[in-house]
Protein backbone atom coordinates (compact mmCIF):
# COMPACT_ATOMS: atom_id res chain seq x y z
CA UNK A 1 98.71 40.76 145.34
CA UNK A 2 94.93 40.55 145.09
CA UNK A 3 95.23 36.77 144.83
CA UNK A 4 97.08 36.57 148.16
CA UNK A 5 94.53 38.84 149.82
CA UNK A 6 91.61 36.76 148.55
CA UNK A 7 93.35 33.55 149.59
CA UNK A 8 93.89 34.86 153.14
CA UNK A 9 90.26 36.02 153.27
CA UNK A 10 89.12 32.55 152.20
CA UNK A 11 91.30 30.88 154.86
CA UNK A 12 89.92 33.17 157.58
CA UNK A 13 86.37 32.50 156.37
CA UNK A 14 86.93 28.72 156.47
CA UNK A 15 88.44 28.90 159.98
CA UNK A 16 85.54 30.99 161.29
CA UNK A 17 83.00 28.71 159.62
CA UNK A 18 84.70 25.64 161.12
CA UNK A 19 84.72 27.27 164.55
CA UNK A 20 81.02 28.07 164.18
CA UNK A 21 80.15 24.51 163.15
CA UNK A 22 82.13 22.99 166.01
CA UNK A 23 80.44 25.24 168.59
CA UNK A 24 76.95 25.49 167.14
CA UNK A 25 75.22 23.99 170.19
CA UNK A 26 77.17 25.83 172.88
CA UNK A 27 75.10 28.45 174.65
CA UNK A 28 76.36 31.38 176.64
CA UNK A 29 74.62 33.74 178.99
CA UNK A 30 74.88 37.44 178.18
CA UNK A 31 74.03 39.99 180.86
CA UNK A 32 73.35 43.61 179.89
CA UNK A 33 73.85 46.27 182.56
CA UNK A 34 72.49 45.95 186.10
CA UNK A 35 70.67 44.22 187.75
CA UNK A 36 71.90 41.00 186.22
CA UNK A 37 68.59 39.13 186.47
CA UNK A 38 66.66 41.77 184.54
CA UNK A 39 68.70 41.72 181.33
CA UNK A 40 70.10 38.21 180.93
CA UNK A 41 69.84 36.37 177.62
CA UNK A 42 70.81 32.87 176.55
CA UNK A 43 72.33 32.84 173.02
CA UNK A 44 74.47 30.55 170.92
CA UNK A 45 78.20 31.18 171.19
CA UNK A 46 78.62 31.96 167.50
CA UNK A 47 75.94 34.68 167.68
CA UNK A 48 77.63 36.24 170.71
CA UNK A 49 81.00 36.24 168.92
CA UNK A 50 79.47 37.62 165.74
CA UNK A 51 77.70 40.34 167.72
CA UNK A 52 80.96 41.29 169.44
CA UNK A 53 82.69 41.37 166.04
CA UNK A 54 80.00 43.62 164.53
CA UNK A 55 80.06 45.91 167.55
CA UNK A 56 83.85 46.17 167.32
CA UNK A 57 83.63 46.96 163.60
CA UNK A 58 81.08 49.71 164.28
CA UNK A 59 83.29 51.25 166.98
CA UNK A 60 86.29 51.08 164.64
CA UNK A 61 84.24 52.66 161.82
CA UNK A 62 83.14 55.64 163.90
CA UNK A 63 86.64 56.20 165.30
CA UNK A 64 88.03 56.02 161.75
CA UNK A 65 85.34 58.37 160.53
CA UNK A 66 86.39 60.96 163.11
CA UNK A 67 90.03 60.54 162.12
CA UNK A 68 89.15 60.84 158.42
CA UNK A 69 87.22 64.07 159.02
CA UNK A 70 90.20 65.51 160.92
CA UNK A 71 92.63 64.56 158.15
CA UNK A 72 90.38 66.05 155.45
CA UNK A 73 89.98 69.27 157.45
CA UNK A 74 93.76 69.55 157.89
CA UNK A 75 94.33 68.86 154.18
CA UNK A 76 91.81 71.56 153.25
CA UNK A 77 93.48 74.04 155.59
CA UNK A 78 96.90 73.24 154.15
CA UNK A 79 95.61 73.61 150.55
CA UNK A 80 94.22 77.05 151.40
CA UNK A 81 97.49 78.05 153.05
CA UNK A 82 99.46 76.75 150.08
CA UNK A 83 97.27 78.72 147.64
CA UNK A 84 97.72 81.87 149.73
CA UNK A 85 101.52 81.43 149.74
CA UNK A 86 101.58 80.77 145.98
CA UNK A 87 99.53 83.91 145.35
CA UNK A 88 101.95 85.89 147.51
CA UNK A 89 104.93 84.41 145.65
CA UNK A 90 103.38 85.26 142.26
CA UNK A 91 102.71 88.81 143.45
CA UNK A 92 106.35 89.16 144.52
CA UNK A 93 107.55 87.79 141.19
CA UNK A 94 105.43 90.31 139.29
CA UNK A 95 106.79 93.36 141.14
CA UNK A 96 108.67 95.68 138.81
CA UNK A 97 112.43 95.61 139.13
CA UNK A 98 113.62 99.05 140.16
CA UNK A 99 117.09 100.30 139.71
CA UNK A 100 118.96 99.93 142.93
CA UNK A 101 121.59 102.50 143.75
CA UNK A 102 124.47 101.20 145.71
CA UNK A 103 126.26 103.64 147.93
CA UNK A 104 130.03 103.31 147.90
CA UNK A 105 131.39 102.02 151.13
CA UNK A 106 133.13 104.58 153.25
CA UNK A 107 136.54 103.46 154.35
């Protein structure tokens, strides 16, 4: 399985590298916020795409981090609840068995 994953990673790397080499002289204009004239930059296309990729990865990382914290908090809460229920069950198991008197049914 690791071989297939590495092969796919290599193919993606080669495709991205080929795309970068084919478009290495293309320039794009990036405008940040308003007014447009104040924050306009001329960059190569591959740097703009790489920047967008990195920014997307950072957004994904922080969203995943929030989700991971929530899952860990829920798991911790469930472990505590499970321990509490097990302690209660053990306490019920250790109660002494008392003789139960059964009243005869009145018919």
